[in-house]
Amino acid sequence: MTGSASVGQHRLRSTLGVGFGVAVGVGGMIGAGILRSPADVAARLPVPALFLGAWVVGGLYALLGANALAELGTMLPRSGGQYVFVRHALGRYPGFIVGWNDWISCCGSVAAIALVVGEALGAIVPALAGHSAALAGLVVAIITVVLLRGVRDSDRAQQITSVLKAAALLALVVACLAWKVRATGASNMVTDVPPVVAPVGLALAAAFIIALQGIIFAYDGWAGVLYFSEEVQDGGRQIPRSLFWGVIAVIVIYLLLNVAFLAVLPLGALAASPLAAASAATKVFGPRGGLFVQILVVIAMPSAIIANALMSSRVAFALGRDGAAPRFLSTVNAGGTPSAALLASIGVVALFLLTGAFERVILICSFLFVASYTLSFASVFVLRWREPNTPRPYRAWGHPWTTGLVFAGSIAFLGGTVAADPKTGLIALALAAISYPAFRLIDRSQAQSD
């Protein structure tokens, strides 16, 4: 089925444009990852060229991935993200795994990001300190009310918050570079941080792969617009544009931020900093730097909450529509929002906030993110072979070489992750194994209800 789907009294509306597509990509990609990952990358790759080069490689991975999946998004214009592609190409069970993993991980991301915002609000207003979970719940509740109003308000909220995020981060870049200009040759330049020796040979290759784990997690979300494929006007043109411009914008922002960090902090100091933005801001603004970063978080993070909440609702909607989850999830309200799916997603977010279990969930799901991408890239090959005559408004540039490269890169990443962290790999495999009985149970219950 292509195009809008009938669900109850309403349909998903094809009203979104390239502005929303870029905004949901920027909103979904830029989260806490860019604030925390630079330290780990600097510790493993303590040479500026290697440090920045790894961020370029991560961006190219996202760009090649966007090139491949833009074909599927325009060929199969159904909202729901990678679940739609994998189910169509590889079957219902692989689609089930990808869909449920995607849904749970998006909900976990909402909880994690909201808690960061709650902690920042507590730091800004001391009277609120110690209530980060409650503040996170309040932020999520306010955003949910806005998103339930309909697609138009969701579109507006995503675009406004993403613009604010980009502006806030670029303000930090300008502040750091201006400090560098003023401090050049001055006595307050950092000189007492000992240099770190870079690895060589196989050790360098291993360090590079491990560093890419955090970088790829920081870029995750580049496929944002694909979750809304049937809601994008003229998707054959706007989906590829949204994907490419979203990824390019984030590559530029990430490189500028990391150059700004290096302008203020030597690599050794950056590697020792658990929060690069806080260390840089403290260097630039002095004691007020910590407050600056907390304000930055409050401004920048809501767009990521909105993006993940919207994406989780579309995955749950698609699962319900296809019978891979309870069918009531495919209910759409008068404003064009899949309201039942959104409320179910927020219910899972609330459970995460109450239990604090999302940290382990995010760790596992960061591995499964790439596993889902791998299956999606494989779907491009399968559908090129099985359905060569199906209309493709956009055909992946350079296929099969570009798709093969990002597919091979994903396999190498998964292998490197398992070698570096066998526990995560074993848990992911165990989850895949126990998912089959759940799939059979849901499949049987839906067949009986039909």
Protein backbone atom coordinates (compact mmCIF):
# COMPACT_ATOMS: atom_id res chain seq x y z
CA MET A 1 0.00 0.00 0.00
CA THR A 2 1.31 3.46 -0.83
CA GLY A 3 0.13 6.92 0.09
CA SER A 4 -2.06 7.84 3.02
CA ALA A 5 -3.73 5.08 4.94
CA SER A 6 -7.28 5.10 6.16
CA VAL A 7 -7.39 4.67 9.91
CA GLY A 8 -10.76 5.05 11.51
CA GLN A 9 -12.34 8.38 10.61
CA HIS A 10 -9.16 10.15 9.57
CA ARG A 11 -6.00 9.77 7.51
CA LEU A 12 -2.39 10.74 7.98
CA ARG A 13 -2.17 14.06 6.19
CA SER A 14 0.33 14.82 3.43
CA THR A 15 1.13 18.35 4.61
CA LEU A 16 4.79 18.28 5.66
CA GLY A 17 7.52 19.95 3.62
CA VAL A 18 11.29 20.02 3.36
CA GLY A 19 11.50 22.49 6.26
CA PHE A 20 10.03 19.92 8.62
CA GLY A 21 12.17 17.16 7.08
CA VAL A 22 15.40 19.04 7.75
CA ALA A 23 14.21 20.15 11.19
CA VAL A 24 13.30 16.64 12.35
CA GLY A 25 16.69 15.40 11.12
CA VAL A 26 18.58 18.15 12.93
CA GLY A 27 16.35 17.76 15.98
CA GLY A 28 16.78 14.00 16.09
CA MET A 29 20.53 13.95 15.48
CA ILE A 30 21.80 16.71 17.75
CA GLY A 31 21.28 15.57 21.32
CA ALA A 32 23.42 14.84 24.32
CA GLY A 33 25.83 12.85 22.12
CA ILE A 34 27.71 15.87 20.79
CA LEU A 35 28.10 17.22 24.33
CA ARG A 36 29.59 13.99 25.72
CA SER A 37 31.19 12.07 22.83
CA PRO A 38 34.08 14.46 22.04
CA ALA A 39 35.87 13.50 25.27
CA ASP A 40 35.85 9.78 24.46
CA VAL A 41 36.89 10.40 20.87
CA ALA A 42 39.74 12.67 21.97
CA ALA A 43 40.93 10.08 24.50
CA ARG A 44 41.15 7.40 21.80
CA LEU A 45 42.35 9.59 18.92
CA PRO A 46 44.58 12.23 20.55
CA VAL A 47 45.69 13.87 17.29
CA PRO A 48 43.60 16.75 15.88
CA ALA A 49 43.56 15.33 12.34
CA LEU A 50 42.39 11.92 13.58
CA PHE A 51 39.93 13.46 16.02
CA LEU A 52 38.25 15.63 13.38
CA GLY A 53 38.63 12.95 10.71
CA ALA A 54 36.57 10.52 12.78
CA TRP A 55 33.72 13.02 12.89
CA VAL A 56 33.95 13.39 9.11
CA VAL A 57 33.84 9.60 8.68
CA GLY A 58 30.77 9.39 10.92
CA GLY A 59 29.11 12.09 8.84
CA LEU A 60 29.92 10.29 5.61
CA TYR A 61 28.37 7.11 7.03
CA ALA A 62 25.15 9.06 7.70
CA LEU A 63 25.31 10.68 4.25
CA LEU A 64 25.78 7.35 2.43
CA GLY A 65 23.02 5.87 4.57
CA ALA A 66 20.71 8.73 3.61
CA ASN A 67 21.56 8.15 -0.04
CA ALA A 68 20.56 4.47 0.22
CA LEU A 69 17.42 4.86 2.30
CA ALA A 70 16.13 7.83 0.31
CA GLU A 71 15.43 5.28 -2.43
CA LEU A 72 13.33 3.16 -0.09
CA GLY A 73 11.53 6.16 1.40
CA THR A 74 10.37 7.33 -2.01
CA MET A 75 9.67 3.80 -3.29
CA LEU A 76 7.61 2.85 -0.20
CA PRO A 77 6.03 6.12 0.98
CA ARG A 78 4.51 4.84 4.22
CA SER A 79 5.11 6.39 7.62
CA GLY A 80 6.92 4.17 10.12
CA GLY A 81 10.62 4.41 9.34
CA GLN A 82 12.88 1.44 8.75
CA TYR A 83 10.24 -1.00 9.97
CA VAL A 84 8.34 -0.38 6.72
CA PHE A 85 11.35 -1.15 4.51
CA VAL A 86 12.54 -4.24 6.35
CA ARG A 87 9.05 -5.74 6.60
CA HIS A 88 8.42 -5.24 2.88
CA ALA A 89 11.81 -6.56 1.76
CA LEU A 90 12.76 -9.21 4.31
CA GLY A 91 9.48 -10.32 5.87
CA ARG A 92 7.21 -9.76 8.82
CA TYR A 93 9.46 -11.13 11.56
CA PRO A 94 12.58 -9.06 10.69
CA GLY A 95 10.25 -6.08 10.37
CA PHE A 96 8.77 -6.89 13.78
CA ILE A 97 12.22 -6.88 15.40
CA VAL A 98 13.24 -3.61 13.76
CA GLY A 99 9.90 -1.93 14.51
CA TRP A 100 9.72 -2.84 18.18
CA ASN A 101 13.39 -2.04 18.77
CA ASP A 102 12.95 1.30 17.03
CA TRP A 103 9.86 2.14 19.06
CA ILE A 104 11.35 1.25 22.45
CA SER A 105 14.65 2.99 21.69
CA CYS A 106 12.89 6.20 20.58
CA CYS A 107 10.88 6.16 23.81
CA GLY A 108 14.06 5.58 25.81
CA SER A 109 15.71 8.49 24.01
CA VAL A 110 12.82 10.78 24.92
CA ALA A 111 13.21 9.82 28.59
CA ALA A 112 16.99 10.24 28.58
CA ILE A 113 16.93 13.64 26.88
CA ALA A 114 14.07 14.90 29.04
CA LEU A 115 16.00 13.95 32.17
CA VAL A 116 18.99 15.96 30.92
CA VAL A 117 16.67 18.95 30.51
CA GLY A 118 15.23 18.34 33.99
CA GLU A 119 18.72 18.30 35.51
CA ALA A 120 19.60 21.51 33.66
CA LEU A 121 16.47 23.27 34.94
CA GLY A 122 17.39 22.20 38.46
CA ALA A 123 20.86 23.68 38.02
CA ILE A 124 19.46 26.98 36.70
CA VAL A 125 16.81 27.30 39.43
CA PRO A 126 18.24 25.92 42.70
CA ALA A 127 14.76 25.58 44.21
CA LEU A 128 14.03 22.91 41.58
CA ALA A 129 17.19 20.91 42.24
CA GLY A 130 16.61 17.28 43.12
CA HIS A 131 13.39 17.06 41.12
CA SER A 132 14.88 16.25 37.72
CA ALA A 133 12.58 13.28 37.03
CA ALA A 134 9.46 15.32 37.85
CA LEU A 135 10.72 18.21 35.71
CA ALA A 136 11.46 15.80 32.87
CA GLY A 137 7.92 14.45 33.13
CA LEU A 138 6.52 17.99 33.05
CA VAL A 139 8.54 18.84 29.93
CA VAL A 140 7.34 15.67 28.20
CA ALA A 141 3.73 16.39 29.22
CA ILE A 142 3.84 19.92 27.78
CA ILE A 143 5.34 18.67 24.52
CA THR A 144 2.74 15.88 24.32
CA VAL A 145 -0.11 18.39 24.61
CA VAL A 146 1.37 20.38 21.71
CA LEU A 147 1.87 17.31 19.53
CA LEU A 148 -1.66 16.04 20.19
CA ARG A 149 -3.06 19.26 18.71
CA GLY A 150 -2.16 18.03 15.25
CA VAL A 151 0.43 17.82 12.50
CA ARG A 152 0.45 21.57 11.84
CA ASP A 153 1.43 22.40 15.42
CA SER A 154 3.89 19.49 15.51
CA ASP A 155 5.54 20.81 12.33
CA ARG A 156 5.78 24.33 13.74
CA ALA A 157 7.15 23.14 17.10
CA GLN A 158 9.80 20.98 15.43
CA GLN A 159 11.01 23.75 13.13
CA ILE A 160 11.13 26.45 15.81
CA THR A 161 12.98 24.33 18.38
CA SER A 162 15.47 23.04 15.79
CA VAL A 163 16.30 26.59 14.68
CA LEU A 164 16.78 27.59 18.34
CA LYS A 165 19.07 24.58 18.84
CA ALA A 166 21.26 25.45 15.85
CA ALA A 167 21.44 29.10 16.91
CA ALA A 168 22.42 28.22 20.50
CA LEU A 169 25.17 25.83 19.41
CA LEU A 170 26.55 28.27 16.85
CA ALA A 171 26.60 30.94 19.57
CA LEU A 172 28.88 28.65 21.59
CA VAL A 173 31.11 28.21 18.52
CA VAL A 174 31.39 31.97 18.03
CA ALA A 175 32.16 32.51 21.72
CA CYS A 176 34.94 29.90 21.71
CA LEU A 177 36.56 31.18 18.51
CA ALA A 178 36.37 34.78 19.74
CA TRP A 179 38.08 33.73 22.98
CA LYS A 180 40.79 32.00 20.94
CA VAL A 181 41.47 35.19 18.99
CA ARG A 182 41.74 37.21 22.20
CA ALA A 183 43.83 34.62 24.00
CA THR A 184 46.35 33.94 21.26
CA GLY A 185 49.77 34.66 22.69
CA ALA A 186 48.35 35.56 26.11
CA SER A 187 49.50 34.06 29.36
CA ASN A 188 46.17 32.33 30.04
CA MET A 189 46.70 29.76 27.29
CA VAL A 190 46.73 26.20 28.66
CA THR A 191 50.26 24.80 28.56
CA ASP A 192 50.39 22.35 31.46
CA VAL A 193 48.44 19.46 29.89
CA PRO A 194 50.87 16.70 28.89
CA PRO A 195 50.57 15.42 25.30
CA VAL A 196 48.92 12.06 24.71
CA VAL A 197 50.62 9.48 22.50
CA ALA A 198 48.46 8.32 19.60
CA PRO A 199 48.07 4.58 18.94
CA VAL A 200 49.51 3.05 15.78
CA GLY A 201 48.82 0.01 13.61
CA LEU A 202 46.09 -2.35 14.76
CA ALA A 203 45.71 -0.41 17.99
CA LEU A 204 44.87 2.69 15.95
CA ALA A 205 42.31 0.77 13.87
CA ALA A 206 40.66 -0.57 17.05
CA ALA A 207 40.66 2.88 18.66
CA PHE A 208 39.10 4.38 15.53
CA ILE A 209 36.28 1.80 15.46
CA ILE A 210 35.52 2.26 19.15
CA ALA A 211 35.58 6.05 18.77
CA LEU A 212 33.10 5.73 15.91
CA GLN A 213 30.61 4.08 18.27
CA GLY A 214 29.99 7.35 20.08
CA ILE A 215 30.14 9.36 16.87
CA ILE A 216 27.61 7.20 15.04
CA PHE A 217 25.35 7.43 18.08
CA ALA A 218 25.73 11.22 17.92
CA TYR A 219 24.68 11.18 14.24
CA ASP A 220 21.81 8.77 14.83
CA GLY A 221 18.50 10.31 13.83
CA TRP A 222 19.56 11.20 10.29
CA ALA A 223 16.70 9.05 8.94
CA GLY A 224 14.12 11.19 10.75
CA VAL A 225 12.02 12.27 7.76
CA LEU A 226 11.59 8.63 6.66
CA TYR A 227 9.29 8.09 9.63
CA PHE A 228 6.83 10.48 7.97
CA SER A 229 7.13 9.36 4.34
CA GLU A 230 3.40 9.38 3.55
CA GLU A 231 2.95 12.74 5.27
CA VAL A 232 5.53 14.59 3.14
CA GLN A 233 4.23 16.53 0.17
CA ASP A 234 5.91 15.53 -3.10
CA GLY A 235 7.95 12.92 -1.24
CA GLY A 236 9.85 11.86 -4.35
CA ARG A 237 11.67 15.20 -4.26
CA GLN A 238 11.35 16.40 -0.69
CA ILE A 239 12.43 13.24 1.14
CA PRO A 240 15.91 13.08 -0.49
CA ARG A 241 16.36 16.82 -0.05
CA SER A 242 15.37 16.64 3.61
CA LEU A 243 17.75 13.74 4.27
CA PHE A 244 20.76 15.29 2.54
CA TRP A 245 20.35 18.83 3.85
CA GLY A 246 19.69 17.56 7.36
CA VAL A 247 22.85 15.43 7.41
CA ILE A 248 24.99 18.15 5.81
CA ALA A 249 23.76 20.73 8.33
CA VAL A 250 24.66 18.47 11.25
CA ILE A 251 28.08 17.58 9.81
CA VAL A 252 28.86 21.31 9.58
CA ILE A 253 27.58 22.00 13.11
CA TYR A 254 29.51 19.07 14.60
CA LEU A 255 32.76 20.03 12.89
CA LEU A 256 32.39 23.66 13.94
CA LEU A 257 31.70 22.63 17.53
CA ASN A 258 34.70 20.32 17.67
CA VAL A 259 36.96 22.95 16.11
CA ALA A 260 35.66 25.38 18.73
CA PHE A 261 36.41 22.90 21.52
CA LEU A 262 39.94 22.42 20.19
CA ALA A 263 40.40 26.18 20.00
CA VAL A 264 39.75 26.43 23.73
CA LEU A 265 41.02 23.12 25.11
CA PRO A 266 44.09 21.03 24.23
CA LEU A 267 43.20 17.48 23.22
CA GLY A 268 44.49 16.15 26.52
CA ALA A 269 42.18 18.45 28.47
CA LEU A 270 39.31 17.65 26.12
CA ALA A 271 39.86 13.92 26.66
CA ALA A 272 39.69 14.44 30.43
CA SER A 273 36.44 16.38 30.25
CA PRO A 274 33.21 14.37 30.69
CA LEU A 275 31.25 17.26 29.16
CA ALA A 276 33.22 19.10 26.50
CA ALA A 277 30.77 21.98 26.17
CA ALA A 278 30.92 22.67 29.93
CA SER A 279 34.72 22.69 30.00
CA ALA A 280 34.89 24.97 26.96
CA ALA A 281 32.26 27.33 28.35
CA THR A 282 34.02 27.51 31.72
CA LYS A 283 37.24 28.43 29.95
CA VAL A 284 35.47 31.14 27.94
CA PHE A 285 33.04 32.55 30.51
CA GLY A 286 34.74 31.63 33.78
CA PRO A 287 32.49 30.61 36.69
CA ARG A 288 29.42 31.52 34.64
CA GLY A 289 30.30 28.85 32.08
CA GLY A 290 28.39 26.12 33.85
CA LEU A 291 25.22 28.22 33.90
CA PHE A 292 25.70 29.02 30.20
CA VAL A 293 25.79 25.32 29.33
CA GLN A 294 22.69 24.54 31.40
CA ILE A 295 20.81 27.29 29.54
CA LEU A 296 22.19 25.87 26.28
CA VAL A 297 20.80 22.43 27.17
CA VAL A 298 17.35 23.83 28.00
CA ILE A 299 17.27 25.65 24.64
CA ALA A 300 18.78 22.90 22.51
CA MET A 301 17.31 19.65 23.80
CA PRO A 302 13.51 20.11 23.38
CA SER A 303 13.81 19.66 19.61
CA ALA A 304 15.33 16.21 20.20
CA ILE A 305 12.48 15.30 22.55
CA ILE A 306 9.93 16.39 19.94
CA ALA A 307 11.68 14.51 17.12
CA ASN A 308 11.91 11.25 19.06
CA ALA A 309 8.35 11.53 20.35
CA LEU A 310 7.05 12.08 16.82
CA MET A 311 9.13 9.22 15.41
CA SER A 312 8.05 6.81 18.16
CA SER A 313 4.41 7.60 17.45
CA ARG A 314 4.83 6.84 13.73
CA VAL A 315 6.55 3.51 14.42
CA ALA A 316 3.80 2.47 16.85
CA PHE A 317 1.18 3.62 14.33
CA ALA A 318 2.75 1.52 11.57
CA LEU A 319 3.02 -1.53 13.84
CA GLY A 320 -0.66 -1.18 14.75
CA ARG A 321 -1.75 -0.65 11.16
CA ASP A 322 -0.01 -3.85 10.05
CA GLY A 323 -1.18 -5.93 13.00
CA ALA A 324 2.31 -6.25 14.50
CA ALA A 325 0.95 -4.45 17.59
CA PRO A 326 -2.58 -3.76 18.89
CA ARG A 327 -4.60 -2.19 16.10
CA PHE A 328 -5.95 0.67 18.21
CA LEU A 329 -2.48 2.24 17.83
CA SER A 330 -3.43 3.15 14.25
CA THR A 331 -6.07 5.65 15.44
CA VAL A 332 -5.56 9.16 14.04
CA ASN A 333 -7.20 12.23 15.56
CA ALA A 334 -8.81 15.15 13.75
CA GLY A 335 -5.53 17.05 13.66
CA GLY A 336 -3.76 14.23 11.81
CA THR A 337 -1.79 12.96 14.83
CA PRO A 338 -1.73 9.21 15.55
CA SER A 339 -2.94 10.01 19.05
CA ALA A 340 -3.19 6.49 20.48
CA ALA A 341 0.33 5.68 19.30
CA LEU A 342 1.66 8.93 20.75
CA LEU A 343 0.01 8.37 24.12
CA ALA A 344 1.24 4.77 24.24
CA SER A 345 4.76 6.01 23.51
CA ILE A 346 4.56 8.62 26.25
CA GLY A 347 3.36 5.89 28.62
CA VAL A 348 6.57 3.96 27.92
CA VAL A 349 8.57 7.17 28.44
CA ALA A 350 6.91 7.61 31.83
CA LEU A 351 7.88 4.06 32.83
CA PHE A 352 11.48 4.77 31.88
CA LEU A 353 11.49 7.97 33.94
CA LEU A 354 9.99 6.20 36.94
CA THR A 355 12.36 3.23 36.86
CA GLY A 356 15.50 4.87 35.46
CA ALA A 357 16.03 1.78 33.30
CA PHE A 358 16.64 3.63 30.06
CA GLU A 359 20.44 3.89 30.44
CA ARG A 360 20.91 0.16 29.83
CA VAL A 361 18.17 0.25 27.18
CA ILE A 362 19.95 3.03 25.29
CA LEU A 363 23.25 1.15 25.47
CA ILE A 364 21.68 -1.96 23.94
CA CYS A 365 19.62 0.00 21.43
CA SER A 366 22.65 1.95 20.21
CA PHE A 367 23.97 -1.40 19.00
CA LEU A 368 20.61 -2.35 17.54
CA PHE A 369 20.34 1.02 15.76
CA VAL A 370 23.15 -0.02 13.46
CA ALA A 371 21.75 -3.55 13.15
CA SER A 372 18.51 -2.00 11.89
CA TYR A 373 20.42 0.16 9.43
CA THR A 374 22.23 -2.95 8.21
CA LEU A 375 18.92 -4.70 7.48
CA SER A 376 17.63 -1.58 5.74
CA PHE A 377 20.70 -1.37 3.51
CA ALA A 378 20.25 -5.07 2.71
CA SER A 379 16.66 -4.25 1.76
CA VAL A 380 17.90 -1.92 -0.98
CA PHE A 381 19.74 -4.84 -2.62
CA VAL A 382 16.81 -7.24 -2.15
CA LEU A 383 14.26 -4.89 -3.69
CA ARG A 384 16.55 -3.92 -6.60
CA TRP A 385 16.69 -7.64 -7.41
CA ARG A 386 13.10 -8.64 -6.59
CA GLU A 387 11.22 -5.55 -7.77
CA PRO A 388 13.36 -3.97 -10.49
CA ASN A 389 10.36 -2.36 -12.21
CA THR A 390 8.76 -0.75 -9.16
CA PRO A 391 8.82 3.05 -9.59
CA ARG A 392 11.66 4.69 -7.69
CA PRO A 393 11.33 8.50 -7.67
CA TYR A 394 14.88 8.59 -6.28
CA ARG A 395 17.52 5.98 -7.08
CA ALA A 396 20.50 5.72 -4.75
CA TRP A 397 23.47 7.42 -6.36
CA GLY A 398 26.40 5.08 -6.99
CA HIS A 399 24.49 1.91 -6.10
CA PRO A 400 25.59 -0.86 -5.58
CA TRP A 401 28.99 0.56 -4.59
CA THR A 402 27.82 3.29 -2.23
CA THR A 403 25.17 1.08 -0.64
CA GLY A 404 27.67 -1.78 -0.42
CA LEU A 405 30.19 0.49 1.29
CA VAL A 406 27.80 1.65 4.00
CA PHE A 407 26.48 -1.91 4.39
CA ALA A 408 30.03 -3.24 4.85
CA GLY A 409 30.80 -0.39 7.24
CA SER A 410 27.78 -1.34 9.33
CA ILE A 411 28.88 -4.98 9.48
CA ALA A 412 32.39 -3.93 10.51
CA PHE A 413 30.97 -1.62 13.15
CA LEU A 414 28.80 -4.38 14.63
CA GLY A 415 31.71 -6.81 14.64
CA GLY A 416 34.00 -4.27 16.27
CA THR A 417 31.37 -3.47 18.90
CA VAL A 418 30.91 -7.14 19.79
CA ALA A 419 34.68 -7.60 20.03
CA ALA A 420 35.04 -4.53 22.27
CA ASP A 421 31.89 -5.12 24.34
CA PRO A 422 30.79 -8.78 24.13
CA LYS A 423 28.16 -8.29 26.84
CA THR A 424 26.20 -5.81 24.73
CA GLY A 425 26.31 -8.12 21.73
CA LEU A 426 25.12 -11.12 23.77
CA ILE A 427 22.23 -9.15 25.27
CA ALA A 428 21.20 -7.95 21.80
CA LEU A 429 21.24 -11.53 20.48
CA ALA A 430 19.25 -12.73 23.49
CA LEU A 431 16.63 -10.05 22.89
CA ALA A 432 16.36 -11.12 19.25
CA ALA A 433 15.92 -14.74 20.33
CA ILE A 434 13.15 -14.07 22.85
CA SER A 435 11.37 -11.75 20.43
CA TYR A 436 10.23 -14.64 18.23
CA PRO A 437 7.73 -16.11 20.73
CA ALA A 438 6.37 -12.59 21.26
CA PHE A 439 6.00 -12.17 17.50
CA ARG A 440 4.13 -15.47 17.19
CA LEU A 441 1.83 -14.58 20.08
CA ILE A 442 0.92 -11.16 18.69
CA ASP A 443 0.58 -12.59 15.18
CA ARG A 444 -1.80 -15.33 16.41
CA SER A 445 -3.91 -12.93 18.49
CA GLN A 446 -4.27 -10.49 15.59
CA ALA A 447 -5.23 -13.31 13.22
CA GLN A 448 -7.96 -14.43 15.65
CA SER A 449 -9.31 -10.88 16.03
CA ASP A 450 -9.47 -10.49 12.24
